[in-house]
Amino acid sequence: MAVQSRQKQKLLTMKKLFEAKTDENHSFTGAKLIEILGDIGIKAERKTIYDDIKTLCDSGMDIVTVKDGHSNAYYLGERTFQQEELFVLADAIASSRFLTKKKSQELIKKLQSLTSEYKGKQLRRQIHVDNRAKNFNEQIYYSVNKIQEGIFDEKVIRFRYTEFNPDKKQILKHGGDFYTVSPYSLVWENENYYLVCWCNKHEKICRYRVDRMINVDVTEENIRRLSDDERAEVSNLQSLYGMFGGKLESVTMQFDNSLANVVIDKFGMNCHPHRNSDSTFCLTADVQIAPTFWGWFFQFGKKAKILAPDNVIEQAKEYLEEISESYK
């Protein structure tokens, strides 16, 4: 009975062998395939092997025929992902702060199953990303799924929220009370996930970092419906710098030409910079004026300047004066 069962698994076993053991540099002759199958208790003959290979091809597998001496040899050609695509995915997983080291290793191992075992080893490359610590919170992987479930089903979610104290210990905010919120969207900003939601506790639109959320659960309660103004606020919280609050302003900025790459990286290819001198260029963009914006802007020192509007220029002066006061 066991032998008969193994025979029924022959096509599936051959499929797995082609996926794991072959690529353009590693192939099987018909005789070698018969030998491998025989070693695991599956009887095969030359004629039936060729019929089986044809059946696998008819099912959609790209089994390529090449010459190995005087014999034909076979390997799996086109796959769902090209090797270069797998490298991109593996590198993104390895360098992501969002994923813990353990979860990154698990995902890369799964990616390895999408290519041959020979090429799969190359996916475990050591990616060095300067000053980028991996996330310590394994729960975030599952929290995102729960949040997406709440958004899709339009159900209220609840969670506990944490923060760090100066001793680097993670503590619960508000004594560990649950936050109950209506989730509207997840935003990826500066390598972190943020939830944009209506918070029952604060009775307003809020955003929370997902990696600081624990014990996330979906309730049976329907989400709160937003007014037109609240929908606009949610939209703003999904825009550049919007994750950090502040009034949305159309700001004209001047930058040194050497900052072109940095500015375009930040504002995207849809921004419209224009030269205003041989050494500088200007850009007008909608940003929310908040400490995070000033932190980004002032890092460039004299190479960046606010040109308009006047109220934002005054805010810049006040912000710099506050910093200067702390050093007196």
Protein backbone atom coordinates (compact mmCIF):
# COMPACT_ATOMS: atom_id res chain seq x y z
CA MET A 1 0.00 0.00 0.00
CA ALA A 2 2.87 2.36 0.87
CA VAL A 3 4.55 1.64 -2.48
CA GLN A 4 1.31 2.34 -4.35
CA SER A 5 0.92 5.61 -2.44
CA ARG A 6 4.43 6.70 -3.41
CA GLN A 7 3.71 5.91 -7.06
CA LYS A 8 0.68 8.22 -6.96
CA GLN A 9 2.96 10.97 -5.70
CA LYS A 10 5.39 10.64 -8.62
CA LEU A 11 4.29 13.75 -10.55
CA LEU A 12 4.21 15.88 -7.41
CA THR A 13 7.65 14.60 -6.40
CA MET A 14 9.04 15.36 -9.84
CA LYS A 15 7.59 18.87 -9.67
CA LYS A 16 9.31 19.48 -6.33
CA LEU A 17 12.60 18.08 -7.65
CA PHE A 18 12.56 20.40 -10.67
CA GLU A 19 11.76 23.39 -8.45
CA ALA A 20 14.39 22.69 -5.79
CA LYS A 21 17.19 20.88 -7.61
CA THR A 22 17.38 22.42 -11.08
CA ASP A 23 18.20 25.72 -12.76
CA GLU A 24 20.11 26.75 -15.87
CA ASN A 25 23.33 25.46 -14.27
CA HIS A 26 21.88 22.25 -12.82
CA SER A 27 19.82 19.77 -14.84
CA PHE A 28 18.62 16.13 -14.75
CA THR A 29 18.94 13.55 -17.49
CA GLY A 30 16.08 11.10 -17.73
CA ALA A 31 18.35 8.36 -16.32
CA LYS A 32 19.37 10.52 -13.34
CA LEU A 33 15.74 11.37 -12.60
CA ILE A 34 14.83 7.66 -12.65
CA GLU A 35 17.70 6.97 -10.24
CA ILE A 36 16.63 9.72 -7.80
CA LEU A 37 13.02 8.56 -7.83
CA GLY A 38 14.11 4.96 -7.30
CA ASP A 39 16.15 5.96 -4.24
CA ILE A 40 12.97 7.24 -2.58
CA GLY A 41 10.90 4.21 -3.54
CA ILE A 42 9.15 5.50 -6.66
CA LYS A 43 9.42 3.27 -9.70
CA ALA A 44 9.95 5.01 -13.04
CA GLU A 45 10.91 3.94 -16.57
CA ARG A 46 12.44 5.91 -19.41
CA LYS A 47 9.25 6.11 -21.49
CA THR A 48 7.01 7.07 -18.57
CA ILE A 49 9.51 9.70 -17.35
CA TYR A 50 9.33 11.51 -20.68
CA ASP A 51 5.53 11.33 -20.59
CA ASP A 52 5.58 12.71 -17.05
CA ILE A 53 7.84 15.61 -18.07
CA LYS A 54 5.44 16.40 -20.92
CA THR A 55 2.52 16.34 -18.45
CA LEU A 56 4.35 18.81 -16.18
CA CYS A 57 4.99 21.06 -19.20
CA ASP A 58 1.32 20.86 -20.17
CA SER A 59 0.42 21.93 -16.61
CA GLY A 60 2.37 25.18 -17.10
CA MET A 61 5.90 24.37 -15.90
CA ASP A 62 8.66 25.77 -18.12
CA ILE A 63 10.88 22.68 -18.30
CA VAL A 64 13.75 23.38 -20.67
CA THR A 65 15.56 20.66 -22.63
CA VAL A 66 19.34 20.88 -23.10
CA LYS A 67 22.09 18.48 -24.13
CA ASP A 68 24.25 16.66 -21.57
CA GLY A 69 26.71 14.75 -23.71
CA HIS A 70 24.63 12.57 -25.99
CA SER A 71 21.59 12.66 -23.68
CA ASN A 72 18.82 15.14 -23.13
CA ALA A 73 18.76 16.92 -19.77
CA TYR A 74 16.02 19.00 -18.21
CA TYR A 75 15.71 21.95 -15.85
CA LEU A 76 13.02 24.38 -14.70
CA GLY A 77 13.40 27.63 -16.64
CA GLU A 78 11.02 30.51 -16.05
CA ARG A 79 9.66 30.83 -12.51
CA THR A 80 7.18 33.14 -10.80
CA PHE A 81 10.04 35.42 -9.72
CA GLN A 82 13.31 36.08 -11.51
CA GLN A 83 16.46 35.82 -9.41
CA GLU A 84 17.02 39.58 -9.58
CA GLU A 85 13.48 40.17 -8.26
CA LEU A 86 14.12 37.81 -5.36
CA PHE A 87 17.32 39.68 -4.53
CA VAL A 88 15.37 42.95 -4.34
CA LEU A 89 12.74 41.38 -2.06
CA ALA A 90 15.35 39.70 0.16
CA ASP A 91 17.35 42.92 0.53
CA ALA A 92 14.20 44.90 1.39
CA ILE A 93 13.23 42.33 4.02
CA ALA A 94 16.73 42.18 5.50
CA SER A 95 17.04 45.96 5.83
CA SER A 96 13.50 46.73 7.01
CA ARG A 97 13.19 48.18 10.52
CA PHE A 98 9.57 47.10 10.55
CA LEU A 99 10.50 43.40 10.68
CA THR A 100 12.35 41.75 13.54
CA LYS A 101 15.55 39.87 12.74
CA LYS A 102 13.77 36.58 13.39
CA LYS A 103 10.86 37.44 11.09
CA SER A 104 13.25 38.66 8.38
CA GLN A 105 15.05 35.33 8.47
CA GLU A 106 11.76 33.44 8.28
CA LEU A 107 10.57 35.42 5.25
CA ILE A 108 13.88 35.09 3.41
CA LYS A 109 13.73 31.34 4.02
CA LYS A 110 10.32 31.31 2.34
CA LEU A 111 11.71 33.30 -0.57
CA GLN A 112 14.38 30.64 -0.97
CA SER A 113 11.67 28.11 -1.77
CA LEU A 114 10.80 30.16 -4.88
CA THR A 115 14.08 29.30 -6.58
CA SER A 116 16.52 26.39 -6.72
CA GLU A 117 18.39 25.42 -3.56
CA TYR A 118 21.62 26.51 -5.26
CA LYS A 119 20.40 30.04 -5.96
CA GLY A 120 18.44 30.17 -2.73
CA LYS A 121 21.69 30.26 -0.75
CA GLN A 122 22.57 33.55 -2.44
CA LEU A 123 19.47 35.22 -0.97
CA ARG A 124 20.95 35.06 2.52
CA ARG A 125 23.25 37.98 1.86
CA GLN A 126 24.44 40.17 4.70
CA ILE A 127 22.87 43.59 4.20
CA HIS A 128 24.51 46.40 6.15
CA VAL A 129 22.24 49.36 6.73
CA ASP A 130 23.99 52.05 8.75
CA ASN A 131 22.26 53.18 11.98
CA ARG A 132 19.15 51.13 11.30
CA ALA A 133 18.14 48.95 14.23
CA LYS A 134 15.76 46.09 13.59
CA ASN A 135 12.40 46.22 15.31
CA PHE A 136 12.18 44.40 18.62
CA ASN A 137 8.39 43.95 18.57
CA GLU A 138 7.46 40.63 16.99
CA GLN A 139 3.77 41.41 17.50
CA ILE A 140 3.80 44.17 14.88
CA TYR A 141 3.65 41.56 12.11
CA TYR A 142 0.28 40.39 13.42
CA SER A 143 -0.91 43.81 14.57
CA VAL A 144 -0.84 45.05 10.97
CA ASN A 145 -3.07 42.15 9.91
CA LYS A 146 -5.55 42.90 12.70
CA ILE A 147 -5.63 46.60 11.82
CA GLN A 148 -6.16 45.83 8.13
CA GLU A 149 -8.99 43.50 9.11
CA GLY A 150 -10.62 46.31 11.09
CA ILE A 151 -10.22 48.78 8.21
CA PHE A 152 -11.60 46.34 5.63
CA ASP A 153 -14.55 45.20 7.78
CA GLU A 154 -15.13 48.77 9.10
CA LYS A 155 -14.94 47.59 12.70
CA VAL A 156 -13.56 49.32 15.79
CA ILE A 157 -10.26 47.96 17.10
CA ARG A 158 -8.67 48.21 20.52
CA PHE A 159 -5.08 48.02 21.72
CA ARG A 160 -2.68 48.98 24.47
CA TYR A 161 -0.08 51.65 23.69
CA THR A 162 3.50 51.73 24.91
CA GLU A 163 6.38 54.17 25.21
CA PHE A 164 10.01 54.07 26.36
CA ASN A 165 11.31 55.60 29.55
CA PRO A 166 14.90 56.93 29.83
CA ASP A 167 16.03 53.47 31.02
CA LYS A 168 15.03 52.05 27.61
CA LYS A 169 12.22 50.08 29.22
CA GLN A 170 8.93 49.76 27.38
CA ILE A 171 6.04 50.81 29.59
CA LEU A 172 2.28 50.95 29.07
CA LYS A 173 0.67 54.35 28.66
CA HIS A 174 -2.36 55.34 30.77
CA GLY A 175 -1.81 52.47 33.15
CA GLY A 176 -2.33 49.84 30.47
CA ASP A 177 -5.88 50.93 29.62
CA PHE A 178 -7.11 49.88 26.18
CA TYR A 179 -7.39 52.49 23.45
CA THR A 180 -10.59 52.05 21.43
CA VAL A 181 -10.40 53.54 17.93
CA SER A 182 -12.08 53.59 14.54
CA PRO A 183 -9.31 52.68 12.06
CA TYR A 184 -9.26 54.44 8.68
CA SER A 185 -5.85 53.91 7.12
CA LEU A 186 -2.30 52.65 7.60
CA VAL A 187 0.51 54.92 6.46
CA TRP A 188 4.15 53.96 5.86
CA GLU A 189 6.32 56.90 6.89
CA ASN A 190 10.06 56.98 7.68
CA GLU A 191 10.18 53.17 7.80
CA ASN A 192 7.38 52.91 10.34
CA TYR A 193 3.69 52.06 10.10
CA TYR A 194 1.21 54.59 11.52
CA LEU A 195 -2.49 54.08 12.11
CA VAL A 196 -4.77 57.02 11.31
CA CYS A 197 -7.95 56.72 13.33
CA TRP A 198 -10.66 58.32 15.45
CA CYS A 199 -9.69 57.83 19.11
CA ASN A 200 -12.62 57.51 21.52
CA LYS A 201 -10.42 58.49 24.46
CA HIS A 202 -9.25 61.78 22.95
CA GLU A 203 -12.39 62.35 20.85
CA LYS A 204 -10.44 63.40 17.77
CA ILE A 205 -8.51 62.13 14.76
CA CYS A 206 -5.20 60.68 15.96
CA ARG A 207 -2.29 58.68 14.65
CA TYR A 208 -0.42 55.92 16.48
CA ARG A 209 2.79 54.08 15.67
CA VAL A 210 1.94 50.45 15.08
CA ASP A 211 5.18 49.08 16.55
CA ARG A 212 4.17 50.64 19.88
CA MET A 213 0.78 48.93 19.87
CA ILE A 214 0.24 45.59 21.63
CA ASN A 215 -2.75 43.31 22.23
CA VAL A 216 -4.47 44.54 19.06
CA ASP A 217 -7.94 43.08 18.62
CA VAL A 218 -10.94 43.65 16.33
CA THR A 219 -14.32 44.25 17.99
CA GLU A 220 -17.85 43.81 16.66
CA GLU A 221 -18.58 47.54 16.92
CA ASN A 222 -18.93 49.51 13.67
CA ILE A 223 -16.49 52.37 13.05
CA ARG A 224 -17.44 56.00 13.54
CA ARG A 225 -18.49 57.75 10.33
CA LEU A 226 -16.51 60.87 9.50
CA SER A 227 -17.73 64.32 8.59
CA ASP A 228 -16.37 66.01 5.47
CA ASP A 229 -13.94 68.07 7.57
CA GLU A 230 -12.75 64.97 9.42
CA ARG A 231 -12.18 63.11 6.14
CA ALA A 232 -10.04 66.05 5.00
CA GLU A 233 -8.08 65.81 8.25
CA VAL A 234 -7.50 62.08 7.71
CA SER A 235 -6.26 62.87 4.21
CA ASN A 236 -3.85 65.47 5.60
CA LEU A 237 -2.49 62.95 8.10
CA GLN A 238 -1.57 60.74 5.16
CA SER A 239 0.38 63.47 3.34
CA LEU A 240 4.00 64.54 3.57
CA TYR A 241 4.80 65.52 7.17
CA GLY A 242 1.13 65.07 7.96
CA MET A 243 1.88 62.20 10.29
CA PHE A 244 3.28 64.68 12.80
CA GLY A 245 0.49 67.24 12.96
CA GLY A 246 0.70 70.96 12.37
CA LYS A 247 -1.08 73.37 10.07
CA LEU A 248 -0.92 72.63 6.36
CA GLU A 249 0.86 75.47 4.55
CA SER A 250 2.00 76.16 0.99
CA VAL A 251 5.67 76.97 1.62
CA THR A 252 8.26 78.33 -0.80
CA MET A 253 11.76 77.14 0.05
CA GLN A 254 15.18 77.91 -1.38
CA PHE A 255 17.92 75.28 -1.47
CA ASP A 256 21.54 75.11 -2.53
CA ASN A 257 21.98 73.18 -5.80
CA SER A 258 23.95 70.51 -3.93
CA LEU A 259 20.69 69.51 -2.16
CA ALA A 260 18.77 68.66 -5.33
CA ASN A 261 18.91 64.90 -4.77
CA VAL A 262 17.85 65.19 -1.13
CA VAL A 263 14.94 67.51 -1.89
CA ILE A 264 13.63 65.44 -4.80
CA ASP A 265 13.94 62.27 -2.71
CA LYS A 266 11.84 63.91 0.00
CA PHE A 267 9.14 65.54 -2.12
CA GLY A 268 9.05 63.04 -4.98
CA MET A 269 9.20 63.31 -8.75
CA ASN A 270 5.92 65.22 -8.86
CA CYS A 271 7.44 68.30 -7.23
CA HIS A 272 8.37 71.30 -9.41
CA PRO A 273 11.71 72.91 -8.46
CA HIS A 274 13.01 75.83 -10.51
CA ARG A 275 16.33 77.66 -10.55
CA ASN A 276 16.42 81.15 -9.07
CA SER A 277 20.20 81.70 -9.30
CA ASP A 278 23.29 79.93 -10.56
CA SER A 279 23.77 78.26 -7.16
CA THR A 280 20.22 77.84 -5.78
CA PHE A 281 16.77 76.61 -6.71
CA CYS A 282 13.28 77.14 -5.27
CA LEU A 283 10.43 74.78 -4.52
CA THR A 284 6.86 75.44 -3.39
CA ALA A 285 5.16 72.53 -1.65
CA ASP A 286 2.33 71.83 0.78
CA VAL A 287 3.75 70.77 4.14
CA GLN A 288 2.42 70.63 7.66
CA ILE A 289 4.48 72.94 9.82
CA ALA A 290 5.57 70.78 12.75
CA PRO A 291 8.79 70.03 14.68
CA THR A 292 9.52 67.12 12.35
CA PHE A 293 9.48 69.43 9.34
CA TRP A 294 11.78 71.90 11.05
CA GLY A 295 14.10 69.08 12.10
CA TRP A 296 14.43 68.02 8.49
CA PHE A 297 14.73 71.55 7.13
CA PHE A 298 17.24 73.01 9.60
CA GLN A 299 19.69 70.14 9.16
CA PHE A 300 20.85 71.90 5.99
CA GLY A 301 21.92 75.07 7.80
CA LYS A 302 22.60 78.00 5.48
CA LYS A 303 21.91 75.86 2.43
CA ALA A 304 18.13 76.04 3.02
CA LYS A 305 15.89 79.07 3.54
CA ILE A 306 12.15 79.79 3.84
CA LEU A 307 11.09 82.46 1.31
CA ALA A 308 7.33 82.54 1.90
CA PRO A 309 4.82 82.96 3.45
CA ASP A 310 5.73 85.52 6.08
CA ASN A 311 4.04 83.68 8.97
CA VAL A 312 6.17 80.57 8.31
CA ILE A 313 9.32 82.73 8.14
CA GLU A 314 8.40 84.11 11.57
CA GLN A 315 7.82 80.59 12.91
CA ALA A 316 11.28 79.61 11.67
CA LYS A 317 12.84 82.56 13.49
CA GLU A 318 10.98 81.75 16.72
CA TYR A 319 11.96 78.10 16.52
CA LEU A 320 15.64 78.97 16.10
CA GLU A 321 15.48 81.52 18.93
CA GLU A 322 14.02 78.89 21.28
CA ILE A 323 16.89 76.55 20.45
CA SER A 324 19.42 79.35 20.93
CA GLU A 325 17.96 80.20 24.35
CA SER A 326 18.68 76.70 25.62
CA TYR A 327 22.42 77.27 25.09
CA LYS A 328 22.64 80.55 27.01
